Amino acid sequence: MERFEMSFKNKRVRIWFSVILPITVLAILLYIFLPAEMQIVPTLLLMVTLVVYYAWVFMSQRKNKG
């Protein structure tokens, strides 16, 4: 298992802090301010963002290995 460097020199950490963290804050705000029938929107936003992020991480790892 390779080591993971938790610093801003690591591209994955920078992307996580610049994409995932703001989307999470936005989703929390949407949960607070949207009516009950629209609560699915922040959930879908978070799910899509996380799937795209982890797909990018997976593809990046495969590209670097091969």
PDB file of N, CA and C in Angstrom:
ATOM      1  N   MET A   1       0.843  -1.184   0.000  1.00  0.00           N
ATOM      2  CA  MET A   1       0.000   0.000   0.000  1.00  0.00           C
ATOM      3  C   MET A   1       0.884   1.241   0.000  1.00  0.00           C
ATOM      4  N   GLU A   2       0.587   2.148  -0.897  1.00  0.00           N
ATOM      5  CA  GLU A   2       1.413   3.348  -0.987  1.00  0.00           C
ATOM      6  C   GLU A   2       1.002   4.379   0.060  1.00  0.00           C
ATOM      7  N   ARG A   3       1.933   5.200   0.433  1.00  0.00           N
ATOM      8  CA  ARG A   3       1.659   6.229   1.441  1.00  0.00           C
ATOM      9  C   ARG A   3       0.892   7.370   0.817  1.00  0.00           C
ATOM     10  N   PHE A   4       0.094   8.022   1.648  1.00  0.00           N
ATOM     11  CA  PHE A   4      -0.697   9.157   1.204  1.00  0.00           C
ATOM     12  C   PHE A   4      -0.218  10.387   1.949  1.00  0.00           C
ATOM     13  N   GLU A   5       0.210  11.398   1.220  1.00  0.00           N
ATOM     14  CA  GLU A   5       0.710  12.620   1.821  1.00  0.00           C
ATOM     15  C   GLU A   5      -0.433  13.616   1.980  1.00  0.00           C
ATOM     16  N   MET A   6      -0.744  13.980   3.223  1.00  0.00           N
ATOM     17  CA  MET A   6      -1.842  14.904   3.499  1.00  0.00           C
ATOM     18  C   MET A   6      -1.287  16.326   3.594  1.00  0.00           C
ATOM     19  N   SER A   7      -0.984  16.894   2.417  1.00  0.00           N
ATOM     20  CA  SER A   7      -0.522  18.274   2.357  1.00  0.00           C
ATOM     21  C   SER A   7      -1.015  18.888   1.062  1.00  0.00           C
ATOM     22  N   PHE A   8      -0.921  20.184   0.962  1.00  0.00           N
ATOM     23  CA  PHE A   8      -1.396  20.867  -0.232  1.00  0.00           C
ATOM     24  C   PHE A   8      -0.469  20.680  -1.430  1.00  0.00           C
ATOM     25  N   LYS A   9       0.643  19.998  -1.235  1.00  0.00           N
ATOM     26  CA  LYS A   9       1.480  19.631  -2.371  1.00  0.00           C
ATOM     27  C   LYS A   9       0.832  18.502  -3.166  1.00  0.00           C
ATOM     28  N   ASN A  10      -0.011  17.721  -2.492  1.00  0.00           N
ATOM     29  CA  ASN A  10      -0.704  16.605  -3.121  1.00  0.00           C
ATOM     30  C   ASN A  10      -1.907  17.138  -3.914  1.00  0.00           C
ATOM     31  N   LYS A  11      -1.972  16.747  -5.177  1.00  0.00           N
ATOM     32  CA  LYS A  11      -3.037  17.248  -6.056  1.00  0.00           C
ATOM     33  C   LYS A  11      -4.417  16.805  -5.592  1.00  0.00           C
ATOM     34  N   ARG A  12      -4.544  15.575  -5.090  1.00  0.00           N
ATOM     35  CA  ARG A  12      -5.840  15.081  -4.624  1.00  0.00           C
ATOM     36  C   ARG A  12      -6.354  15.885  -3.439  1.00  0.00           C
ATOM     37  N   VAL A  13      -5.472  16.267  -2.545  1.00  0.00           N
ATOM     38  CA  VAL A  13      -5.868  17.058  -1.379  1.00  0.00           C
ATOM     39  C   VAL A  13      -6.330  18.446  -1.818  1.00  0.00           C
ATOM     40  N   ARG A  14      -5.602  19.055  -2.745  1.00  0.00           N
ATOM     41  CA  ARG A  14      -5.999  20.379  -3.247  1.00  0.00           C
ATOM     42  C   ARG A  14      -7.373  20.326  -3.912  1.00  0.00           C
ATOM     43  N   ILE A  15      -7.603  19.311  -4.746  1.00  0.00           N
ATOM     44  CA  ILE A  15      -8.895  19.172  -5.424  1.00  0.00           C
ATOM     45  C   ILE A  15     -10.003  18.928  -4.400  1.00  0.00           C
ATOM     46  N   TRP A  16      -9.726  18.098  -3.392  1.00  0.00           N
ATOM     47  CA  TRP A  16     -10.731  17.808  -2.377  1.00  0.00           C
ATOM     48  C   TRP A  16     -11.149  19.089  -1.653  1.00  0.00           C
ATOM     49  N   PHE A  17     -10.173  19.888  -1.237  1.00  0.00           N
ATOM     50  CA  PHE A  17     -10.484  21.117  -0.518  1.00  0.00           C
ATOM     51  C   PHE A  17     -11.122  22.175  -1.417  1.00  0.00           C
ATOM     52  N   SER A  18     -10.818  22.174  -2.705  1.00  0.00           N
ATOM     53  CA  SER A  18     -11.376  23.200  -3.579  1.00  0.00           C
ATOM     54  C   SER A  18     -12.709  22.800  -4.204  1.00  0.00           C
ATOM     55  N   VAL A  19     -13.062  21.490  -4.183  1.00  0.00           N
ATOM     56  CA  VAL A  19     -14.320  21.055  -4.801  1.00  0.00           C
ATOM     57  C   VAL A  19     -15.267  20.434  -3.777  1.00  0.00           C
ATOM     58  N   ILE A  20     -14.835  19.402  -3.094  1.00  0.00           N
ATOM     59  CA  ILE A  20     -15.714  18.642  -2.210  1.00  0.00           C
ATOM     60  C   ILE A  20     -16.153  19.477  -0.999  1.00  0.00           C
ATOM     61  N   LEU A  21     -15.240  20.159  -0.391  1.00  0.00           N
ATOM     62  CA  LEU A  21     -15.582  20.948   0.795  1.00  0.00           C
ATOM     63  C   LEU A  21     -16.602  22.055   0.492  1.00  0.00           C
ATOM     64  N   PRO A  22     -16.425  22.873  -0.551  1.00  0.00           N
ATOM     65  CA  PRO A  22     -17.449  23.890  -0.851  1.00  0.00           C
ATOM     66  C   PRO A  22     -18.799  23.281  -1.255  1.00  0.00           C
ATOM     67  N   ILE A  23     -18.797  22.160  -1.971  1.00  0.00           N
ATOM     68  CA  ILE A  23     -20.055  21.520  -2.344  1.00  0.00           C
ATOM     69  C   ILE A  23     -20.770  21.009  -1.101  1.00  0.00           C
ATOM     70  N   THR A  24     -20.031  20.515  -0.121  1.00  0.00           N
ATOM     71  CA  THR A  24     -20.628  20.049   1.127  1.00  0.00           C
ATOM     72  C   THR A  24     -21.270  21.210   1.881  1.00  0.00           C
ATOM     73  N   VAL A  25     -20.589  22.332   1.938  1.00  0.00           N
ATOM     74  CA  VAL A  25     -21.150  23.523   2.601  1.00  0.00           C
ATOM     75  C   VAL A  25     -22.396  23.997   1.855  1.00  0.00           C
ATOM     76  N   LEU A  26     -22.333  24.008   0.520  1.00  0.00           N
ATOM     77  CA  LEU A  26     -23.497  24.399  -0.276  1.00  0.00           C
ATOM     78  C   LEU A  26     -24.664  23.450  -0.034  1.00  0.00           C
ATOM     79  N   ALA A  27     -24.411  22.162   0.052  1.00  0.00           N
ATOM     80  CA  ALA A  27     -25.473  21.192   0.294  1.00  0.00           C
ATOM     81  C   ALA A  27     -26.115  21.403   1.660  1.00  0.00           C
ATOM     82  N   ILE A  28     -25.306  21.708   2.659  1.00  0.00           N
ATOM     83  CA  ILE A  28     -25.846  21.982   4.000  1.00  0.00           C
ATOM     84  C   ILE A  28     -26.746  23.213   3.962  1.00  0.00           C
ATOM     85  N   LEU A  29     -26.291  24.255   3.277  1.00  0.00           N
ATOM     86  CA  LEU A  29     -27.120  25.463   3.158  1.00  0.00           C
ATOM     87  C   LEU A  29     -28.407  25.187   2.396  1.00  0.00           C
ATOM     88  N   LEU A  30     -28.326  24.374   1.354  1.00  0.00           N
ATOM     89  CA  LEU A  30     -29.527  24.027   0.607  1.00  0.00           C
ATOM     90  C   LEU A  30     -30.499  23.222   1.464  1.00  0.00           C
ATOM     91  N   TYR A  31     -29.981  22.309   2.294  1.00  0.00           N
ATOM     92  CA  TYR A  31     -30.843  21.565   3.207  1.00  0.00           C
ATOM     93  C   TYR A  31     -31.588  22.509   4.144  1.00  0.00           C
ATOM     94  N   ILE A  32     -30.918  23.553   4.573  1.00  0.00           N
ATOM     95  CA  ILE A  32     -31.530  24.494   5.513  1.00  0.00           C
ATOM     96  C   ILE A  32     -32.591  25.344   4.832  1.00  0.00           C
ATOM     97  N   PHE A  33     -32.311  25.835   3.621  1.00  0.00           N
ATOM     98  CA  PHE A  33     -33.176  26.837   3.016  1.00  0.00           C
ATOM     99  C   PHE A  33     -34.196  26.307   2.004  1.00  0.00           C
ATOM    100  N   LEU A  34     -34.005  25.110   1.484  1.00  0.00           N
ATOM    101  CA  LEU A  34     -34.961  24.586   0.515  1.00  0.00           C
ATOM    102  C   LEU A  34     -36.175  23.990   1.220  1.00  0.00           C
ATOM    103  N   PRO A  35     -37.347  24.039   0.582  1.00  0.00           N
ATOM    104  CA  PRO A  35     -38.521  23.395   1.168  1.00  0.00           C
ATOM    105  C   PRO A  35     -38.342  21.870   1.199  1.00  0.00           C
ATOM    106  N   ALA A  36     -39.169  21.194   1.975  1.00  0.00           N
ATOM    107  CA  ALA A  36     -39.028  19.759   2.215  1.00  0.00           C
ATOM    108  C   ALA A  36     -39.110  18.942   0.931  1.00  0.00           C
ATOM    109  N   GLU A  37     -39.938  19.352  -0.017  1.00  0.00           N
ATOM    110  CA  GLU A  37     -40.074  18.562  -1.243  1.00  0.00           C
ATOM    111  C   GLU A  37     -38.864  18.680  -2.161  1.00  0.00           C
ATOM    112  N   MET A  38     -37.980  19.617  -1.911  1.00  0.00           N
ATOM    113  CA  MET A  38     -36.778  19.794  -2.730  1.00  0.00           C
ATOM    114  C   MET A  38     -35.500  19.309  -2.026  1.00  0.00           C
ATOM    115  N   GLN A  39     -35.642  18.562  -0.937  1.00  0.00           N
ATOM    116  CA  GLN A  39     -34.479  18.104  -0.173  1.00  0.00           C
ATOM    117  C   GLN A  39     -33.608  17.116  -0.939  1.00  0.00           C
ATOM    118  N   ILE A  40     -34.113  16.544  -2.015  1.00  0.00           N
ATOM    119  CA  ILE A  40     -33.352  15.582  -2.803  1.00  0.00           C
ATOM    120  C   ILE A  40     -32.219  16.267  -3.590  1.00  0.00           C
ATOM    121  N   VAL A  41     -32.372  17.546  -3.878  1.00  0.00           N
ATOM    122  CA  VAL A  41     -31.388  18.275  -4.689  1.00  0.00           C
ATOM    123  C   VAL A  41     -30.004  18.297  -4.030  1.00  0.00           C
ATOM    124  N   PRO A  42     -29.871  18.668  -2.750  1.00  0.00           N
ATOM    125  CA  PRO A  42     -28.526  18.655  -2.152  1.00  0.00           C
ATOM    126  C   PRO A  42     -27.926  17.251  -2.070  1.00  0.00           C
ATOM    127  N   THR A  43     -28.784  16.257  -1.840  1.00  0.00           N
ATOM    128  CA  THR A  43     -28.284  14.882  -1.788  1.00  0.00           C
ATOM    129  C   THR A  43     -27.720  14.462  -3.137  1.00  0.00           C
ATOM    130  N   LEU A  44     -28.458  14.743  -4.198  1.00  0.00           N
ATOM    131  CA  LEU A  44     -27.987  14.407  -5.537  1.00  0.00           C
ATOM    132  C   LEU A  44     -26.722  15.183  -5.890  1.00  0.00           C
ATOM    133  N   LEU A  45     -26.665  16.440  -5.503  1.00  0.00           N
ATOM    134  CA  LEU A  45     -25.484  17.260  -5.759  1.00  0.00           C
ATOM    135  C   LEU A  45     -24.248  16.648  -5.108  1.00  0.00           C
ATOM    136  N   LEU A  46     -24.377  16.249  -3.840  1.00  0.00           N
ATOM    137  CA  LEU A  46     -23.256  15.622  -3.138  1.00  0.00           C
ATOM    138  C   LEU A  46     -22.876  14.286  -3.767  1.00  0.00           C
ATOM    139  N   MET A  47     -23.861  13.487  -4.094  1.00  0.00           N
ATOM    140  CA  MET A  47     -23.582  12.175  -4.665  1.00  0.00           C
ATOM    141  C   MET A  47     -22.875  12.286  -6.001  1.00  0.00           C
ATOM    142  N   VAL A  48     -23.351  13.155  -6.867  1.00  0.00           N
ATOM    143  CA  VAL A  48     -22.733  13.322  -8.186  1.00  0.00           C
ATOM    144  C   VAL A  48     -21.308  13.850  -8.044  1.00  0.00           C
ATOM    145  N   THR A  49     -21.114  14.810  -7.174  1.00  0.00           N
ATOM    146  CA  THR A  49     -19.779  15.378  -6.972  1.00  0.00           C
ATOM    147  C   THR A  49     -18.810  14.326  -6.450  1.00  0.00           C
ATOM    148  N   LEU A  50     -19.239  13.531  -5.481  1.00  0.00           N
ATOM    149  CA  LEU A  50     -18.361  12.497  -4.936  1.00  0.00           C
ATOM    150  C   LEU A  50     -18.048  11.410  -5.960  1.00  0.00           C
ATOM    151  N   VAL A  51     -19.031  11.025  -6.748  1.00  0.00           N
ATOM    152  CA  VAL A  51     -18.789  10.006  -7.774  1.00  0.00           C
ATOM    153  C   VAL A  51     -17.785  10.513  -8.807  1.00  0.00           C
ATOM    154  N   VAL A  52     -17.937  11.755  -9.225  1.00  0.00           N
ATOM    155  CA  VAL A  52     -17.007  12.325 -10.207  1.00  0.00           C
ATOM    156  C   VAL A  52     -15.603  12.443  -9.605  1.00  0.00           C
ATOM    157  N   TYR A  53     -15.512  12.877  -8.352  1.00  0.00           N
ATOM    158  CA  TYR A  53     -14.209  13.011  -7.701  1.00  0.00           C
ATOM    159  C   TYR A  53     -13.510  11.659  -7.591  1.00  0.00           C
ATOM    160  N   TYR A  54     -14.214  10.647  -7.090  1.00  0.00           N
ATOM    161  CA  TYR A  54     -13.583   9.347  -6.915  1.00  0.00           C
ATOM    162  C   TYR A  54     -13.311   8.654  -8.245  1.00  0.00           C
ATOM    163  N   ALA A  55     -14.096   8.923  -9.252  1.00  0.00           N
ATOM    164  CA  ALA A  55     -13.790   8.405 -10.594  1.00  0.00           C
ATOM    165  C   ALA A  55     -12.501   9.041 -11.102  1.00  0.00           C
ATOM    166  N   TRP A  56     -12.346  10.337 -10.865  1.00  0.00           N
ATOM    167  CA  TRP A  56     -11.112  11.020 -11.258  1.00  0.00           C
ATOM    168  C   TRP A  56      -9.914  10.438 -10.505  1.00  0.00           C
ATOM    169  N   VAL A  57     -10.067  10.185  -9.201  1.00  0.00           N
ATOM    170  CA  VAL A  57      -8.972   9.600  -8.411  1.00  0.00           C
ATOM    171  C   VAL A  57      -8.612   8.221  -8.958  1.00  0.00           C
ATOM    172  N   PHE A  58      -9.620   7.412  -9.242  1.00  0.00           N
ATOM    173  CA  PHE A  58      -9.384   6.066  -9.775  1.00  0.00           C
ATOM    174  C   PHE A  58      -8.662   6.124 -11.111  1.00  0.00           C
ATOM    175  N   MET A  59      -9.142   6.990 -12.004  1.00  0.00           N
ATOM    176  CA  MET A  59      -8.502   7.106 -13.322  1.00  0.00           C
ATOM    177  C   MET A  59      -7.075   7.652 -13.192  1.00  0.00           C
ATOM    178  N   SER A  60      -6.873   8.566 -12.278  1.00  0.00           N
ATOM    179  CA  SER A  60      -5.547   9.131 -12.062  1.00  0.00           C
ATOM    180  C   SER A  60      -4.579   8.064 -11.553  1.00  0.00           C
ATOM    181  N   GLN A  61      -5.039   7.213 -10.646  1.00  0.00           N
ATOM    182  CA  GLN A  61      -4.190   6.149 -10.120  1.00  0.00           C
ATOM    183  C   GLN A  61      -3.841   5.145 -11.212  1.00  0.00           C
ATOM    184  N   ARG A  62      -4.816   4.798 -12.043  1.00  0.00           N
ATOM    185  CA  ARG A  62      -4.559   3.844 -13.133  1.00  0.00           C
ATOM    186  C   ARG A  62      -3.589   4.429 -14.150  1.00  0.00           C
ATOM    187  N   LYS A  63      -3.727   5.729 -14.418  1.00  0.00           N
ATOM    188  CA  LYS A  63      -2.833   6.376 -15.377  1.00  0.00           C
ATOM    189  C   LYS A  63      -1.395   6.400 -14.850  1.00  0.00           C
ATOM    190  N   ASN A  64      -1.239   6.662 -13.553  1.00  0.00           N
ATOM    191  CA  ASN A  64       0.102   6.726 -12.975  1.00  0.00           C
ATOM    192  C   ASN A  64       0.755   5.362 -12.841  1.00  0.00           C
ATOM    193  N   LYS A  65      -0.025   4.300 -12.663  1.00  0.00           N
ATOM    194  CA  LYS A  65       0.536   2.944 -12.543  1.00  0.00           C
ATOM    195  C   LYS A  65       1.043   2.428 -13.879  1.00  0.00           C
ATOM    196  N   GLY A  66       0.251   2.664 -14.922  1.00  0.00           N
ATOM    197  CA  GLY A  66       0.579   2.061 -16.211  1.00  0.00           C
ATOM    198  C   GLY A  66       1.344   2.968 -17.066  1.00  0.00           C
TER     199      GLY A  66
END
